[in-house]
């Protein structure tokens, strides 16, 4: 059974930072590209950042480039998203997901395993 669990969300003032974590069990973690997605009420889900099996390739949404950093520790089955210089528009539920595709597709892959999400709220 695959389990994906996010943590690290919370309330932060604009300009602040948060570090999200995602732990995964039930699959061979280093065999999967991983990604962070977010969804705000009334808006479409969007890919925030994704990372390849060994972390050598990454992709970021234009809106977060230069502010967010994705990383992974395969020995710990853990994915991270360091978020700096947070803005009110970053407020959303953030989800961690695993890509079932056999190929690197950035954030357009087949993300079939999802966590329950962690809420990030940025006050302005």
PDB file of N, CA and C in Angstrom:
ATOM      1  N   UNK A   1       0.835  -1.175   0.000  1.00  0.00           N
ATOM      2  CA  UNK A   1       0.000   0.000   0.000  1.00  0.00           C
ATOM      3  C   UNK A   1       0.880   1.239   0.000  1.00  0.00           C
ATOM      4  N   UNK A   2       0.619   2.130  -0.928  1.00  0.00           N
ATOM      5  CA  UNK A   2       1.386   3.359  -1.042  1.00  0.00           C
ATOM      6  C   UNK A   2       0.801   4.400  -0.103  1.00  0.00           C
ATOM      7  N   UNK A   3       1.671   5.023   0.652  1.00  0.00           N
ATOM      8  CA  UNK A   3       1.256   6.091   1.540  1.00  0.00           C
ATOM      9  C   UNK A   3       2.126   7.309   1.290  1.00  0.00           C
ATOM     10  N   UNK A   4       1.480   8.444   1.091  1.00  0.00           N
ATOM     11  CA  UNK A   4       2.150   9.711   0.863  1.00  0.00           C
ATOM     12  C   UNK A   4       1.647  10.679   1.918  1.00  0.00           C
ATOM     13  N   UNK A   5       2.559  11.312   2.633  1.00  0.00           N
ATOM     14  CA  UNK A   5       2.156  12.168   3.735  1.00  0.00           C
ATOM     15  C   UNK A   5       2.960  13.460   3.752  1.00  0.00           C
ATOM     16  N   UNK A   6       2.253  14.570   3.624  1.00  0.00           N
ATOM     17  CA  UNK A   6       2.873  15.887   3.654  1.00  0.00           C
ATOM     18  C   UNK A   6       2.856  16.454   5.067  1.00  0.00           C
ATOM     19  N   UNK A   7       3.800  17.336   5.330  1.00  0.00           N
ATOM     20  CA  UNK A   7       3.834  18.052   6.590  1.00  0.00           C
ATOM     21  C   UNK A   7       4.594  19.355   6.395  1.00  0.00           C
ATOM     22  N   UNK A   8       4.467  20.249   7.351  1.00  0.00           N
ATOM     23  CA  UNK A   8       5.233  21.477   7.345  1.00  0.00           C
ATOM     24  C   UNK A   8       4.470  22.727   6.981  1.00  0.00           C
ATOM     25  N   UNK A   9       3.215  22.590   6.593  1.00  0.00           N
ATOM     26  CA  UNK A   9       2.430  23.762   6.275  1.00  0.00           C
ATOM     27  C   UNK A   9       2.093  24.556   7.515  1.00  0.00           C
ATOM     28  N   UNK A  10       1.543  25.730   7.291  1.00  0.00           N
ATOM     29  CA  UNK A  10       1.169  26.578   8.397  1.00  0.00           C
ATOM     30  C   UNK A  10       0.857  27.978   7.945  1.00  0.00           C
ATOM     31  N   UNK A  11       0.750  28.858   8.914  1.00  0.00           N
ATOM     32  CA  UNK A  11       0.462  30.264   8.676  1.00  0.00           C
ATOM     33  C   UNK A  11       1.752  31.058   8.771  1.00  0.00           C
ATOM     34  N   UNK A  12       2.005  31.865   7.766  1.00  0.00           N
ATOM     35  CA  UNK A  12       3.224  32.656   7.734  1.00  0.00           C
ATOM     36  C   UNK A  12       2.922  34.010   7.113  1.00  0.00           C
ATOM     37  N   UNK A  13       3.641  35.021   7.542  1.00  0.00           N
ATOM     38  CA  UNK A  13       3.483  36.347   6.966  1.00  0.00           C
ATOM     39  C   UNK A  13       4.187  36.439   5.623  1.00  0.00           C
ATOM     40  N   UNK A  14       3.686  37.322   4.778  1.00  0.00           N
ATOM     41  CA  UNK A  14       4.337  37.554   3.497  1.00  0.00           C
ATOM     42  C   UNK A  14       5.804  37.882   3.706  1.00  0.00           C
ATOM     43  N   UNK A  15       6.640  37.296   2.867  1.00  0.00           N
ATOM     44  CA  UNK A  15       8.077  37.458   2.994  1.00  0.00           C
ATOM     45  C   UNK A  15       8.747  36.376   3.814  1.00  0.00           C
ATOM     46  N   UNK A  16       7.957  35.581   4.500  1.00  0.00           N
ATOM     47  CA  UNK A  16       8.496  34.525   5.326  1.00  0.00           C
ATOM     48  C   UNK A  16       8.800  33.262   4.553  1.00  0.00           C
ATOM     49  N   UNK A  17       9.174  32.225   5.295  1.00  0.00           N
ATOM     50  CA  UNK A  17       9.589  30.963   4.695  1.00  0.00           C
ATOM     51  C   UNK A  17       8.918  29.784   5.370  1.00  0.00           C
ATOM     52  N   UNK A  18       8.771  28.722   4.615  1.00  0.00           N
ATOM     53  CA  UNK A  18       8.322  27.435   5.124  1.00  0.00           C
ATOM     54  C   UNK A  18       9.077  26.340   4.393  1.00  0.00           C
ATOM     55  N   UNK A  19       9.240  25.220   5.060  1.00  0.00           N
ATOM     56  CA  UNK A  19       9.845  24.054   4.445  1.00  0.00           C
ATOM     57  C   UNK A  19       8.871  22.889   4.561  1.00  0.00           C
ATOM     58  N   UNK A  20       8.342  22.456   3.442  1.00  0.00           N
ATOM     59  CA  UNK A  20       7.425  21.337   3.415  1.00  0.00           C
ATOM     60  C   UNK A  20       8.191  20.033   3.256  1.00  0.00           C
ATOM     61  N   UNK A  21       7.668  18.986   3.876  1.00  0.00           N
ATOM     62  CA  UNK A  21       8.246  17.661   3.747  1.00  0.00           C
ATOM     63  C   UNK A  21       7.178  16.679   3.296  1.00  0.00           C
ATOM     64  N   UNK A  22       7.609  15.640   2.626  1.00  0.00           N
ATOM     65  CA  UNK A  22       6.715  14.593   2.163  1.00  0.00           C
ATOM     66  C   UNK A  22       7.426  13.264   2.327  1.00  0.00           C
ATOM     67  N   UNK A  23       6.834  12.376   3.096  1.00  0.00           N
ATOM     68  CA  UNK A  23       7.382  11.033   3.262  1.00  0.00           C
ATOM     69  C   UNK A  23       6.531  10.050   2.485  1.00  0.00           C
ATOM     70  N   UNK A  24       7.195   9.087   1.875  1.00  0.00           N
ATOM     71  CA  UNK A  24       6.534   8.123   1.013  1.00  0.00           C
ATOM     72  C   UNK A  24       6.912   6.714   1.442  1.00  0.00           C
ATOM     73  N   UNK A  25       5.937   5.841   1.481  1.00  0.00           N
ATOM     74  CA  UNK A  25       6.184   4.434   1.754  1.00  0.00           C
ATOM     75  C   UNK A  25       5.356   3.586   0.796  1.00  0.00           C
ATOM     76  N   UNK A  26       5.755   2.342   0.646  1.00  0.00           N
ATOM     77  CA  UNK A  26       5.012   1.425  -0.200  1.00  0.00           C
ATOM     78  C   UNK A  26       5.440   1.397  -1.649  1.00  0.00           C
ATOM     79  N   UNK A  27       6.447   2.145  -2.008  1.00  0.00           N
ATOM     80  CA  UNK A  27       6.999   2.095  -3.344  1.00  0.00           C
ATOM     81  C   UNK A  27       8.502   2.326  -3.286  1.00  0.00           C
ATOM     82  N   UNK A  28       9.155   2.010  -4.372  1.00  0.00           N
ATOM     83  CA  UNK A  28      10.596   2.235  -4.454  1.00  0.00           C
ATOM     84  C   UNK A  28      10.822   3.700  -4.766  1.00  0.00           C
ATOM     85  N   UNK A  29      11.083   4.460  -3.734  1.00  0.00           N
ATOM     86  CA  UNK A  29      11.058   5.915  -3.822  1.00  0.00           C
ATOM     87  C   UNK A  29      11.982   6.456  -4.902  1.00  0.00           C
ATOM     88  N   UNK A  30      13.194   5.917  -4.982  1.00  0.00           N
ATOM     89  CA  UNK A  30      14.142   6.465  -5.946  1.00  0.00           C
ATOM     90  C   UNK A  30      13.838   6.047  -7.378  1.00  0.00           C
ATOM     91  N   UNK A  31      12.787   5.289  -7.592  1.00  0.00           N
ATOM     92  CA  UNK A  31      12.349   4.944  -8.932  1.00  0.00           C
ATOM     93  C   UNK A  31      11.252   5.840  -9.467  1.00  0.00           C
ATOM     94  N   UNK A  32      10.889   6.862  -8.718  1.00  0.00           N
ATOM     95  CA  UNK A  32       9.790   7.729  -9.090  1.00  0.00           C
ATOM     96  C   UNK A  32      10.194   9.185  -9.104  1.00  0.00           C
ATOM     97  N   UNK A  33       9.819   9.859 -10.171  1.00  0.00           N
ATOM     98  CA  UNK A  33       9.826  11.313 -10.120  1.00  0.00           C
ATOM     99  C   UNK A  33       8.760  11.756  -9.128  1.00  0.00           C
ATOM    100  N   UNK A  34       8.995  12.878  -8.504  1.00  0.00           N
ATOM    101  CA  UNK A  34       8.077  13.384  -7.496  1.00  0.00           C
ATOM    102  C   UNK A  34       7.725  14.831  -7.802  1.00  0.00           C
ATOM    103  N   UNK A  35       6.629  15.261  -7.231  1.00  0.00           N
ATOM    104  CA  UNK A  35       6.228  16.632  -7.470  1.00  0.00           C
ATOM    105  C   UNK A  35       5.428  17.237  -6.336  1.00  0.00           C
ATOM    106  N   UNK A  36       5.468  18.550  -6.298  1.00  0.00           N
ATOM    107  CA  UNK A  36       4.613  19.339  -5.424  1.00  0.00           C
ATOM    108  C   UNK A  36       3.593  20.075  -6.279  1.00  0.00           C
ATOM    109  N   UNK A  37       2.356  19.998  -5.866  1.00  0.00           N
ATOM    110  CA  UNK A  37       1.257  20.680  -6.529  1.00  0.00           C
ATOM    111  C   UNK A  37       0.496  21.494  -5.497  1.00  0.00           C
ATOM    112  N   UNK A  38      -0.266  22.447  -5.971  1.00  0.00           N
ATOM    113  CA  UNK A  38      -1.071  23.230  -5.048  1.00  0.00           C
ATOM    114  C   UNK A  38      -2.402  23.579  -5.686  1.00  0.00           C
ATOM    115  N   UNK A  39      -3.364  23.814  -4.828  1.00  0.00           N
ATOM    116  CA  UNK A  39      -4.681  24.205  -5.287  1.00  0.00           C
ATOM    117  C   UNK A  39      -5.309  25.151  -4.282  1.00  0.00           C
ATOM    118  N   UNK A  40      -5.701  26.299  -4.766  1.00  0.00           N
ATOM    119  CA  UNK A  40      -6.422  27.265  -3.965  1.00  0.00           C
ATOM    120  C   UNK A  40      -7.910  27.129  -4.253  1.00  0.00           C
ATOM    121  N   UNK A  41      -8.772  27.521  -3.316  1.00  0.00           N
ATOM    122  CA  UNK A  41     -10.210  27.407  -3.540  1.00  0.00           C
ATOM    123  C   UNK A  41     -10.651  28.103  -4.818  1.00  0.00           C
ATOM    124  N   UNK A  42     -11.428  27.399  -5.625  1.00  0.00           N
ATOM    125  CA  UNK A  42     -11.941  27.963  -6.857  1.00  0.00           C
ATOM    126  C   UNK A  42     -10.953  28.022  -8.000  1.00  0.00           C
ATOM    127  N   UNK A  43      -9.759  27.503  -7.809  1.00  0.00           N
ATOM    128  CA  UNK A  43      -8.740  27.535  -8.843  1.00  0.00           C
ATOM    129  C   UNK A  43      -8.319  26.120  -9.227  1.00  0.00           C
ATOM    130  N   UNK A  44      -7.718  26.015 -10.393  1.00  0.00           N
ATOM    131  CA  UNK A  44      -7.215  24.735 -10.852  1.00  0.00           C
ATOM    132  C   UNK A  44      -5.979  24.329 -10.067  1.00  0.00           C
ATOM    133  N   UNK A  45      -5.785  23.029  -9.968  1.00  0.00           N
ATOM    134  CA  UNK A  45      -4.553  22.527  -9.406  1.00  0.00           C
ATOM    135  C   UNK A  45      -3.402  22.839 -10.352  1.00  0.00           C
ATOM    136  N   UNK A  46      -2.283  23.250  -9.809  1.00  0.00           N
ATOM    137  CA  UNK A  46      -1.138  23.564 -10.631  1.00  0.00           C
ATOM    138  C   UNK A  46       0.120  22.888 -10.100  1.00  0.00           C
ATOM    139  N   UNK A  47       0.991  22.554 -11.014  1.00  0.00           N
ATOM    140  CA  UNK A  47       2.276  22.022 -10.629  1.00  0.00           C
ATOM    141  C   UNK A  47       3.171  23.136 -10.125  1.00  0.00           C
ATOM    142  N   UNK A  48       3.742  22.940  -8.967  1.00  0.00           N
ATOM    143  CA  UNK A  48       4.639  23.920  -8.370  1.00  0.00           C
ATOM    144  C   UNK A  48       6.083  23.607  -8.728  1.00  0.00           C
ATOM    145  N   UNK A  49       6.477  22.379  -8.464  1.00  0.00           N
ATOM    146  CA  UNK A  49       7.837  21.958  -8.752  1.00  0.00           C
ATOM    147  C   UNK A  49       7.904  20.444  -8.776  1.00  0.00           C
ATOM    148  N   UNK A  50       8.716  19.903  -9.666  1.00  0.00           N
ATOM    149  CA  UNK A  50       8.885  18.464  -9.776  1.00  0.00           C
ATOM    150  C   UNK A  50      10.361  18.122  -9.894  1.00  0.00           C
ATOM    151  N   UNK A  51      10.683  16.871  -9.567  1.00  0.00           N
ATOM    152  CA  UNK A  51      12.069  16.454  -9.498  1.00  0.00           C
ATOM    153  C   UNK A  51      12.198  15.011  -9.957  1.00  0.00           C
ATOM    154  N   UNK A  52      13.278  14.721 -10.674  1.00  0.00           N
ATOM    155  CA  UNK A  52      13.476  13.401 -11.247  1.00  0.00           C
ATOM    156  C   UNK A  52      13.954  12.405 -10.198  1.00  0.00           C
ATOM    157  N   UNK A  53      14.107  11.160 -10.621  1.00  0.00           N
ATOM    158  CA  UNK A  53      14.430  10.048  -9.726  1.00  0.00           C
ATOM    159  C   UNK A  53      15.577  10.351  -8.779  1.00  0.00           C
ATOM    160  N   UNK A  54      16.658  10.847  -9.327  1.00  0.00           N
ATOM    161  CA  UNK A  54      17.856  11.087  -8.533  1.00  0.00           C
ATOM    162  C   UNK A  54      18.083  12.558  -8.224  1.00  0.00           C
ATOM    163  N   UNK A  55      17.129  13.372  -8.593  1.00  0.00           N
ATOM    164  CA  UNK A  55      17.215  14.782  -8.280  1.00  0.00           C
ATOM    165  C   UNK A  55      18.048  15.595  -9.241  1.00  0.00           C
ATOM    166  N   UNK A  56      18.417  15.033 -10.381  1.00  0.00           N
ATOM    167  CA  UNK A  56      19.283  15.745 -11.312  1.00  0.00           C
ATOM    168  C   UNK A  56      18.523  16.673 -12.241  1.00  0.00           C
ATOM    169  N   UNK A  57      17.224  16.484 -12.336  1.00  0.00           N
ATOM    170  CA  UNK A  57      16.400  17.358 -13.152  1.00  0.00           C
ATOM    171  C   UNK A  57      15.266  17.909 -12.299  1.00  0.00           C
ATOM    172  N   UNK A  58      15.004  19.170 -12.466  1.00  0.00           N
ATOM    173  CA  UNK A  58      13.932  19.824 -11.730  1.00  0.00           C
ATOM    174  C   UNK A  58      13.153  20.739 -12.649  1.00  0.00           C
ATOM    175  N   UNK A  59      11.949  21.050 -12.224  1.00  0.00           N
ATOM    176  CA  UNK A  59      11.084  21.940 -12.974  1.00  0.00           C
ATOM    177  C   UNK A  59      10.317  22.796 -11.975  1.00  0.00           C
ATOM    178  N   UNK A  60      10.151  24.065 -12.315  1.00  0.00           N
ATOM    179  CA  UNK A  60       9.443  24.990 -11.446  1.00  0.00           C
ATOM    180  C   UNK A  60       8.428  25.789 -12.233  1.00  0.00           C
ATOM    181  N   UNK A  61       7.307  26.045 -11.591  1.00  0.00           N
ATOM    182  CA  UNK A  61       6.364  26.991 -12.163  1.00  0.00           C
ATOM    183  C   UNK A  61       7.007  28.370 -12.209  1.00  0.00           C
ATOM    184  N   UNK A  62       6.679  29.138 -13.240  1.00  0.00           N
ATOM    185  CA  UNK A  62       7.264  30.467 -13.371  1.00  0.00           C
ATOM    186  C   UNK A  62       7.014  31.324 -12.135  1.00  0.00           C
ATOM    187  N   UNK A  63       5.879  31.138 -11.521  1.00  0.00           N
ATOM    188  CA  UNK A  63       5.498  31.967 -10.393  1.00  0.00           C
ATOM    189  C   UNK A  63       6.354  31.741  -9.149  1.00  0.00           C
ATOM    190  N   UNK A  64       7.081  30.620  -9.101  1.00  0.00           N
ATOM    191  CA  UNK A  64       7.870  30.319  -7.905  1.00  0.00           C
ATOM    192  C   UNK A  64       9.366  30.265  -8.176  1.00  0.00           C
ATOM    193  N   UNK A  65       9.783  30.427  -9.410  1.00  0.00           N
ATOM    194  CA  UNK A  65      11.202  30.372  -9.730  1.00  0.00           C
ATOM    195  C   UNK A  65      11.972  31.429  -8.957  1.00  0.00           C
ATOM    196  N   UNK A  66      13.079  31.014  -8.401  1.00  0.00           N
ATOM    197  CA  UNK A  66      13.895  31.910  -7.619  1.00  0.00           C
ATOM    198  C   UNK A  66      13.495  32.013  -6.169  1.00  0.00           C
ATOM    199  N   UNK A  67      12.326  31.475  -5.825  1.00  0.00           N
ATOM    200  CA  UNK A  67      11.843  31.541  -4.452  1.00  0.00           C
ATOM    201  C   UNK A  67      11.733  30.167  -3.797  1.00  0.00           C
ATOM    202  N   UNK A  68      11.368  29.155  -4.581  1.00  0.00           N
ATOM    203  CA  UNK A  68      11.176  27.804  -4.059  1.00  0.00           C
ATOM    204  C   UNK A  68      12.299  26.896  -4.541  1.00  0.00           C
ATOM    205  N   UNK A  69      12.632  25.909  -3.728  1.00  0.00           N
ATOM    206  CA  UNK A  69      13.627  24.913  -4.094  1.00  0.00           C
ATOM    207  C   UNK A  69      13.120  23.529  -3.731  1.00  0.00           C
ATOM    208  N   UNK A  70      13.095  22.647  -4.712  1.00  0.00           N
ATOM    209  CA  UNK A  70      12.691  21.274  -4.471  1.00  0.00           C
ATOM    210  C   UNK A  70      13.937  20.413  -4.301  1.00  0.00           C
ATOM    211  N   UNK A  71      13.855  19.441  -3.415  1.00  0.00           N
ATOM    212  CA  UNK A  71      14.960  18.519  -3.209  1.00  0.00           C
ATOM    213  C   UNK A  71      14.408  17.197  -2.697  1.00  0.00           C
ATOM    214  N   UNK A  72      15.246  16.181  -2.709  1.00  0.00           N
ATOM    215  CA  UNK A  72      14.814  14.889  -2.202  1.00  0.00           C
ATOM    216  C   UNK A  72      15.979  14.176  -1.541  1.00  0.00           C
ATOM    217  N   UNK A  73      15.652  13.357  -0.576  1.00  0.00           N
ATOM    218  CA  UNK A  73      16.615  12.509   0.103  1.00  0.00           C
ATOM    219  C   UNK A  73      16.107  11.088  -0.058  1.00  0.00           C
ATOM    220  N   UNK A  74      16.646  10.390  -1.034  1.00  0.00           N
ATOM    221  CA  UNK A  74      16.147   9.056  -1.340  1.00  0.00           C
ATOM    222  C   UNK A  74      16.416   8.058  -0.219  1.00  0.00           C
ATOM    223  N   UNK A  75      17.471   8.269   0.536  1.00  0.00           N
ATOM    224  CA  UNK A  75      17.761   7.385   1.656  1.00  0.00           C
ATOM    225  C   UNK A  75      16.695   7.484   2.739  1.00  0.00           C
ATOM    226  N   UNK A  76      16.014   8.621   2.806  1.00  0.00           N
ATOM    227  CA  UNK A  76      14.972   8.834   3.802  1.00  0.00           C
ATOM    228  C   UNK A  76      13.572   8.783   3.214  1.00  0.00           C
ATOM    229  N   UNK A  77      13.466   8.483   1.934  1.00  0.00           N
ATOM    230  CA  UNK A  77      12.167   8.468   1.251  1.00  0.00           C
ATOM    231  C   UNK A  77      11.403   9.766   1.480  1.00  0.00           C
ATOM    232  N   UNK A  78      12.112  10.866   1.359  1.00  0.00           N
ATOM    233  CA  UNK A  78      11.528  12.149   1.705  1.00  0.00           C
ATOM    234  C   UNK A  78      11.761  13.179   0.607  1.00  0.00           C
ATOM    235  N   UNK A  79      10.729  13.933   0.332  1.00  0.00           N
ATOM    236  CA  UNK A  79      10.748  15.036  -0.612  1.00  0.00           C
ATOM    237  C   UNK A  79      10.562  16.333   0.159  1.00  0.00           C
ATOM    238  N   UNK A  80      11.226  17.389  -0.295  1.00  0.00           N
ATOM    239  CA  UNK A  80      11.159  18.671   0.384  1.00  0.00           C
ATOM    240  C   UNK A  80      10.799  19.778  -0.591  1.00  0.00           C
ATOM    241  N   UNK A  81      10.203  20.816  -0.042  1.00  0.00           N
ATOM    242  CA  UNK A  81      10.004  22.044  -0.788  1.00  0.00           C
ATOM    243  C   UNK A  81      10.318  23.207   0.139  1.00  0.00           C
ATOM    244  N   UNK A  82      11.441  23.844  -0.110  1.00  0.00           N
ATOM    245  CA  UNK A  82      11.804  25.028   0.636  1.00  0.00           C
ATOM    246  C   UNK A  82      11.178  26.229  -0.046  1.00  0.00           C
ATOM    247  N   UNK A  83      10.368  26.962   0.688  1.00  0.00           N
ATOM    248  CA  UNK A  83       9.642  28.099   0.143  1.00  0.00           C
ATOM    249  C   UNK A  83      10.103  29.361   0.852  1.00  0.00           C
ATOM    250  N   UNK A  84      10.669  30.268   0.100  1.00  0.00           N
ATOM    251  CA  UNK A  84      11.139  31.536   0.626  1.00  0.00           C
ATOM    252  C   UNK A  84      10.376  32.680  -0.020  1.00  0.00           C
ATOM    253  N   UNK A  85      10.464  33.834   0.600  1.00  0.00           N
ATOM    254  CA  UNK A  85       9.826  35.044   0.075  1.00  0.00           C
ATOM    255  C   UNK A  85       8.369  34.793  -0.286  1.00  0.00           C
ATOM    256  N   UNK A  86       7.656  34.191   0.626  1.00  0.00           N
ATOM    257  CA  UNK A  86       6.279  33.800   0.355  1.00  0.00           C
ATOM    258  C   UNK A  86       5.386  35.011   0.128  1.00  0.00           C
ATOM    259  N   UNK A  87       4.437  34.816  -0.767  1.00  0.00           N
ATOM    260  CA  UNK A  87       3.473  35.839  -1.128  1.00  0.00           C
ATOM    261  C   UNK A  87       2.073  35.355  -0.803  1.00  0.00           C
ATOM    262  N   UNK A  88       1.160  36.288  -0.686  1.00  0.00           N
ATOM    263  CA  UNK A  88      -0.220  35.927  -0.394  1.00  0.00           C
ATOM    264  C   UNK A  88      -0.778  34.972  -1.441  1.00  0.00           C
ATOM    265  N   UNK A  89      -0.381  35.140  -2.689  1.00  0.00           N
ATOM    266  CA  UNK A  89      -0.877  34.281  -3.746  1.00  0.00           C
ATOM    267  C   UNK A  89      -0.329  32.861  -3.699  1.00  0.00           C
ATOM    268  N   UNK A  90       0.608  32.595  -2.797  1.00  0.00           N
ATOM    269  CA  UNK A  90       1.072  31.232  -2.580  1.00  0.00           C
ATOM    270  C   UNK A  90       0.138  30.443  -1.677  1.00  0.00           C
ATOM    271  N   UNK A  91      -0.842  31.102  -1.106  1.00  0.00           N
ATOM    272  CA  UNK A  91      -1.787  30.431  -0.224  1.00  0.00           C
ATOM    273  C   UNK A  91      -2.540  29.349  -0.977  1.00  0.00           C
ATOM    274  N   UNK A  92      -2.473  28.133  -0.477  1.00  0.00           N
ATOM    275  CA  UNK A  92      -3.110  26.994  -1.141  1.00  0.00           C
ATOM    276  C   UNK A  92      -2.903  25.750  -0.298  1.00  0.00           C
ATOM    277  N   UNK A  93      -3.617  24.706  -0.679  1.00  0.00           N
ATOM    278  CA  UNK A  93      -3.312  23.387  -0.168  1.00  0.00           C
ATOM    279  C   UNK A  93      -2.208  22.806  -1.049  1.00  0.00           C
ATOM    280  N   UNK A  94      -1.149  22.359  -0.423  1.00  0.00           N
ATOM    281  CA  UNK A  94      -0.011  21.813  -1.148  1.00  0.00           C
ATOM    282  C   UNK A  94      -0.003  20.297  -1.050  1.00  0.00           C
ATOM    283  N   UNK A  95       0.134  19.657  -2.197  1.00  0.00           N
ATOM    284  CA  UNK A  95       0.096  18.211  -2.286  1.00  0.00           C
ATOM    285  C   UNK A  95       1.408  17.660  -2.818  1.00  0.00           C
ATOM    286  N   UNK A  96       1.772  16.537  -2.304  1.00  0.00           N
ATOM    287  CA  UNK A  96       2.919  15.778  -2.776  1.00  0.00           C
ATOM    288  C   UNK A  96       2.404  14.599  -3.590  1.00  0.00           C
ATOM    289  N   UNK A  97       3.080  14.291  -4.690  1.00  0.00           N
ATOM    290  CA  UNK A  97       2.627  13.202  -5.541  1.00  0.00           C
ATOM    291  C   UNK A  97       3.797  12.495  -6.208  1.00  0.00           C
ATOM    292  N   UNK A  98       3.586  11.231  -6.542  1.00  0.00           N
ATOM    293  CA  UNK A  98       4.575  10.406  -7.230  1.00  0.00           C
ATOM    294  C   UNK A  98       4.136  10.144  -8.660  1.00  0.00           C
ATOM    295  N   UNK A  99       5.077  10.231  -9.576  1.00  0.00           N
ATOM    296  CA  UNK A  99       4.832  10.089 -11.003  1.00  0.00           C
ATOM    297  C   UNK A  99       5.025   8.648 -11.428  1.00  0.00           C
ATOM    298  N   UNK A 100       3.982   8.035 -11.958  1.00  0.00           N
ATOM    299  CA  UNK A 100       4.055   6.654 -12.410  1.00  0.00           C
ATOM    300  C   UNK A 100       4.638   6.497 -13.804  1.00  0.00           C
ATOM    301  N   UNK A 101       4.879   7.599 -14.483  1.00  0.00           N
ATOM    302  CA  UNK A 101       5.464   7.541 -15.816  1.00  0.00           C
ATOM    303  C   UNK A 101       6.877   6.978 -15.767  1.00  0.00           C
ATOM    304  N   UNK A 102       7.264   6.303 -16.833  1.00  0.00           N
ATOM    305  CA  UNK A 102       8.617   5.762 -16.930  1.00  0.00           C
ATOM    306  C   UNK A 102       9.607   6.786 -17.463  1.00  0.00           C
ATOM    307  N   UNK A 103       9.113   7.934 -17.844  1.00  0.00           N
ATOM    308  CA  UNK A 103       9.940   8.957 -18.445  1.00  0.00           C
ATOM    309  C   UNK A 103       9.807  10.260 -17.676  1.00  0.00           C
ATOM    310  N   UNK A 104      10.849  11.053 -17.743  1.00  0.00           N
ATOM    311  CA  UNK A 104      10.825  12.361 -17.122  1.00  0.00           C
ATOM    312  C   UNK A 104       9.880  13.261 -17.911  1.00  0.00           C
ATOM    313  N   UNK A 105       8.856  13.708 -17.262  1.00  0.00           N
ATOM    314  CA  UNK A 105       7.868  14.569 -17.896  1.00  0.00           C
ATOM    315  C   UNK A 105       7.629  15.837 -17.095  1.00  0.00           C
ATOM    316  N   UNK A 106       8.579  16.190 -16.277  1.00  0.00           N
ATOM    317  CA  UNK A 106       8.450  17.361 -15.398  1.00  0.00           C
ATOM    318  C   UNK A 106       7.162  17.232 -14.597  1.00  0.00           C
ATOM    319  N   UNK A 107       6.364  18.285 -14.555  1.00  0.00           N
ATOM    320  CA  UNK A 107       5.119  18.245 -13.804  1.00  0.00           C
ATOM    321  C   UNK A 107       3.924  17.836 -14.643  1.00  0.00           C
ATOM    322  N   UNK A 108       4.191  17.319 -15.845  1.00  0.00           N
ATOM    323  CA  UNK A 108       3.132  16.846 -16.730  1.00  0.00           C
ATOM    324  C   UNK A 108       3.076  15.326 -16.787  1.00  0.00           C
ATOM    325  N   UNK A 109       3.646  14.669 -15.823  1.00  0.00           N
ATOM    326  CA  UNK A 109       3.664  13.226 -15.800  1.00  0.00           C
ATOM    327  C   UNK A 109       2.372  12.628 -15.297  1.00  0.00           C
ATOM    328  N   UNK A 110       2.423  11.335 -15.062  1.00  0.00           N
ATOM    329  CA  UNK A 110       1.268  10.585 -14.582  1.00  0.00           C
ATOM    330  C   UNK A 110       1.356  10.472 -13.067  1.00  0.00           C
ATOM    331  N   UNK A 111       0.931  11.512 -12.393  1.00  0.00           N
ATOM    332  CA  UNK A 111       1.028  11.555 -10.931  1.00  0.00           C
ATOM    333  C   UNK A 111      -0.173  10.845 -10.331  1.00  0.00           C
ATOM    334  N   UNK A 112       0.022   9.591 -10.012  1.00  0.00           N
ATOM    335  CA  UNK A 112      -1.073   8.748  -9.576  1.00  0.00           C
ATOM    336  C   UNK A 112      -1.151   8.485  -8.089  1.00  0.00           C
ATOM    337  N   UNK A 113      -0.140   8.868  -7.342  1.00  0.00           N
ATOM    338  CA  UNK A 113      -0.137   8.667  -5.892  1.00  0.00           C
ATOM    339  C   UNK A 113      -0.045  10.018  -5.214  1.00  0.00           C
ATOM    340  N   UNK A 114      -1.032  10.307  -4.385  1.00  0.00           N
ATOM    341  CA  UNK A 114      -1.169  11.631  -3.788  1.00  0.00           C
ATOM    342  C   UNK A 114      -1.317  11.565  -2.278  1.00  0.00           C
ATOM    343  N   UNK A 115      -0.791  12.586  -1.629  1.00  0.00           N
ATOM    344  CA  UNK A 115      -1.045  12.747  -0.217  1.00  0.00           C
ATOM    345  C   UNK A 115      -2.318  13.524   0.028  1.00  0.00           C
ATOM    346  N   UNK A 116      -2.622  13.748   1.296  1.00  0.00           N
ATOM    347  CA  UNK A 116      -3.824  14.471   1.680  1.00  0.00           C
ATOM    348  C   UNK A 116      -3.642  15.977   1.654  1.00  0.00           C
ATOM    349  N   UNK A 117      -2.414  16.425   1.579  1.00  0.00           N
ATOM    350  CA  UNK A 117      -2.139  17.836   1.482  1.00  0.00           C
ATOM    351  C   UNK A 117      -1.787  18.475   2.813  1.00  0.00           C
ATOM    352  N   UNK A 118      -1.100  19.599   2.721  1.00  0.00           N
ATOM    353  CA  UNK A 118      -0.806  20.415   3.884  1.00  0.00           C
ATOM    354  C   UNK A 118      -1.091  21.867   3.521  1.00  0.00           C
ATOM    355  N   UNK A 119      -1.790  22.555   4.397  1.00  0.00           N
ATOM    356  CA  UNK A 119      -2.253  23.907   4.096  1.00  0.00           C
ATOM    357  C   UNK A 119      -1.152  24.923   4.344  1.00  0.00           C
ATOM    358  N   UNK A 120      -0.957  25.782   3.366  1.00  0.00           N
ATOM    359  CA  UNK A 120      -0.054  26.918   3.491  1.00  0.00           C
ATOM    360  C   UNK A 120      -0.884  28.182   3.361  1.00  0.00           C
ATOM    361  N   UNK A 121      -0.828  29.021   4.368  1.00  0.00           N
ATOM    362  CA  UNK A 121      -1.556  30.273   4.353  1.00  0.00           C
ATOM    363  C   UNK A 121      -0.582  31.414   4.587  1.00  0.00           C
ATOM    364  N   UNK A 122      -0.549  32.339   3.650  1.00  0.00           N
ATOM    365  CA  UNK A 122       0.365  33.475   3.719  1.00  0.00           C
ATOM    366  C   UNK A 122      -0.463  34.731   3.926  1.00  0.00           C
ATOM    367  N   UNK A 123      -0.246  35.400   5.024  1.00  0.00           N
ATOM    368  CA  UNK A 123      -0.982  36.613   5.330  1.00  0.00           C
ATOM    369  C   UNK A 123      -0.272  37.825   4.747  1.00  0.00           C
ATOM    370  N   UNK A 124      -1.044  38.806   4.348  1.00  0.00           N
ATOM    371  CA  UNK A 124      -0.497  40.015   3.762  1.00  0.00           C
ATOM    372  C   UNK A 124      -0.821  41.230   4.599  1.00  0.00           C
TER     373      UNK A 124
END
